[in-house]
Amino acid sequence: MKLRPPAVPLITVDPYFSVWSAADRLTDTPTAHWTGKPNSLLGVAKIDGVPFRFMGAETEKEEIPAMEQISLEVEALSTTYQFQAAGIELTARFLSTLFPEDYEHLTRPVSYLEISWRPCDQQPHQVEIVVRASEELCLDTRGQMPVETQCLSLGKDIACAKMGGTKQEILARKGDDLRIDWGYFYLAVQNGSVSVRKDGMTWVQAAASPEAEKSALFAFAYDDVESITYFHQNLRSYWNREGKSICTAIEEAYGDFAVCKARAAFFHQRLFAQAVEAGGEQYAQLLALAFRQVLAAHKLVIGPDGELLYISKECFSNGCSATVDISYPSSPLFLYYNPELIKGMMRPIFRYAASGDWPFDFAPHDVGTYPHLNGQTYSNGTDPKDQMPVEECGNMLIMAAALSVVQGNAAFAGENLALLTQWADYLKAHGLDPENQLCTDDFAGHLAHNCNLSLKSIMALEGMSIILTLLGKDGGEYHRAAKEMAEQWLPMAANGDGSFRLAFDRPGTFSMKYNIIWDKLFGTGLFPKEAVAAEFASYQKHITPYGMPLDNRETYTKSDWQVWTASLAETKEDFMAFIEPLWRAYHETPSRVPMSDWYQTTDARQVSFQNRTVQGGLFLKLLAESGKCRWNGSVSR
C-alpha cells in the first residue's frame, strides 16, 4: 500500500518559497504555503476549447470543473499527478532540484512543473495549458500591499511574468507564521505567453499549447535578493553569491531540465532501494516524503568569509534560526548525503558562543529568529530560565564527533576545540544526573534526573574522546569519564525488570532511550548489548496503533525519535514492526499539514509543529546500515 501523504510537496526551495497541497486530490483545496496560508496556484487544461481544472480550487469568479485525478506518486524530488477528462490523460510533474551535494541546484530558487498529455480515446484534441499564480506568493497575506507586475521575454524562447510588492523592505521582519513580503516571484513558460489578471487579487498567468510535443514546461522562481541577516550583515544565497540574476537562473533551469529530471529519478531510485533494504517498503515511503521537506526548511548562504552557512528555520515551534536541537535530530540525513552541510549548521553556534554576547559555559540553543541571526532569542536570549545546558552541549559534541568519523578527520572540530572542550567539561561535571532543566522533549514540563538526557552526556563525552584521538591527542580522559558514567547509569536507571526509567528517581516509569543509538552507530560498546536489547523489548507493551509515546507522562510522541529508537532493534523485522505504526499515523492522520513530528499516538492528530527539518532524523536507520559513523579507532583506556 502506498503512503497517503498528509500534505503533498509541490514547490520546495526554502522556508519562504514552499507550496503544498493539503488534500488527496490536487483540485480539492487551494494550494498553500507550509504554514497553511493560501499560496494559490491554478492549473487549467482547455481541451477543445472547454476548460478543466487540474490544480487548485475554484476561484471566487470562476467555476471550472475538475479533471478526474487517477494517480499520485511522491518521490524524493518530484510529485507526479495523473488526470483524465474529455478524452485526454494529463500528467503534471512538479520537480525540485534539491541535490544535497550540488549547491548550485540546491539553492537555485527555480522549481519546475512539466505538463504532458496524450489522447485516451484515439481522437485528435487541441489542448492549451494555463497556469496562474496569485499575489499571495510574494506577500505575507493577500492584499497586504499593492503589487507590481511585468511581462518579460528571456532567452531560449522563455516568456516570464514578474510580480512583487510595491514596498520592498528586504529582511525587515522576522518570525514564525510569516510569509515573504519582499523580493519578486516569477512564472515562466517556454514557447508560450504570459499575462496579468485581476480577479479579486492579482494573478500572473502563463499559457502554452504546443500540439506537436504534447508537453509544456513551466517554472516558478523567486528572487529574494538577500536571504539572511547574520550578526547584522545581510547575506546572499549561494546561487547569487556573485550577483547572478534570477533571469539567468531561469534560463539555466530551462537549459538543464532534462538532466535534472534524469538526476532526480536516479536519486530517488537509489534512495528508495537503499531504504527498502535497510528498513522495508514503508520506511522507504516515509523517507521519500520527508526528503524535500527537510532540505527546504533550510537556507544555504555564504558567510562574511566565504564560508557555507546552512540555516534552519524552526517551523511552527518558535521560528528560531540555527537551533541546535533542530540540527541534532536532522543530522542523519546530512551525515549520510553531505556532511559539509552539518558544518554549515554548526558555524553560527560556534561564532555566537565564542562571542562576548553569550555569557554561559554551555552551548546556546539558537542564534536568532528566522531570517535573523543576531543572537539567541529563545528564553529571552540569555535569561538563565529555560536554557538547555546539557541538551545543547551534548548535541554539539555528538554532531561534531559524528561529522569527524564520517569524514575521517576532525579538522573542523579542531578549529573549535576550545568550545568543545569547555562543553565536554560541563558535561563531566553536570551530565550524569542532570539537574532540573529543560531538554528538547520536555513538552510535559522540566524534569530533573532525566535518564535519556544522561545518555546524551555519556555519548557526547565518548564523542569528545573520538575527536581528540582523530586530532592525534589523548582522548583517554573523556573515554574513561564516559565509561564510568555508563557503568553508573545502568543501576541508577534500572526498573528491575530489564527496562530503564524516565528519571532516576521515578521507578516504574519509561521513556524512549534514543540517545543511546550513538553507542551502536559508533560501535563504542559502552553499554552491554543485552541491556539495550532488554530495554528495546520493553517498548513493545507501550506501542499503540499510531506509535510509542515519548514517555509515560503523556500519549503524544515524536516521529524522529521513534526511528532512532526503532534503530536499536537487532533485526530488520523488529525495526519494521516498530515503525509500521508511524507509517500508519501519517497515512491516516486527519491533520493535513506537511509532516508533523509531534502528534498523538491515540488518534494520529498533530499536537503542534509541521514542516520541520527534524524529519531528517528518519534517515537514522539508513545511516546506521551504511556504517558511515562506525568508529574504527581506539582511545587510551
Foldseek 3Di string as FASTA:
>chain_A
DAFQFCKAWFAFQAQFGTWIHRDSAQAPAAIPRLLRAHFGKWKWKQKQNQIETRHGYDDPVDDHHHFAWDDWDFFQFKIWTWTDDDFKIKIWMKGQLCQPVDQLRSNAFKIKIKMFMDGPVPDDIFIKMKMKTFPVSQAFHFPPAAKDKDWDAAPQQKIKMKIAHPDADQPPDFWASTHHRHWIKMKMWHQWYWDWDDDVGIMIMIMDTDPVRRMIMMMIGTDSVFFAQAQNRTWHFPNCNPHDDSSVSVVVCVVCVVVSVVVRVVVRVVQLVLQCVLFRNLLSSLNRQQNSLQSRQWTWTADPVRATAIWGFQHFPIQFILFLVQCLLLVLLCLVRPLSNVLNSCVLQLVQCPDPQADDLATFGGQGGPRYRNADPPPNGRPPAQTDGLQRLLSVLLSLLLSCLLVVANVSCVVRVVSNVSSLVVCLVAQLWHAFHDHPPPPVHTDTQFLLSSLSSLLSLVSQLSNQVRVVHASPVSPVSSLVSLVVSVVQQDLPQLAGARGSPDHPKHFQNLSNLLCLLQVVPSDDLSSLVSHLVVQVVQAALQAHDRIDPAQKHFLLSQLSSLLSDPDSVSSNVRCNSNSVLSSQEPNSRADAGIAGSVRSYHPTGHSRSSSSSSCVSSSSVVSSSHNPDDHDD
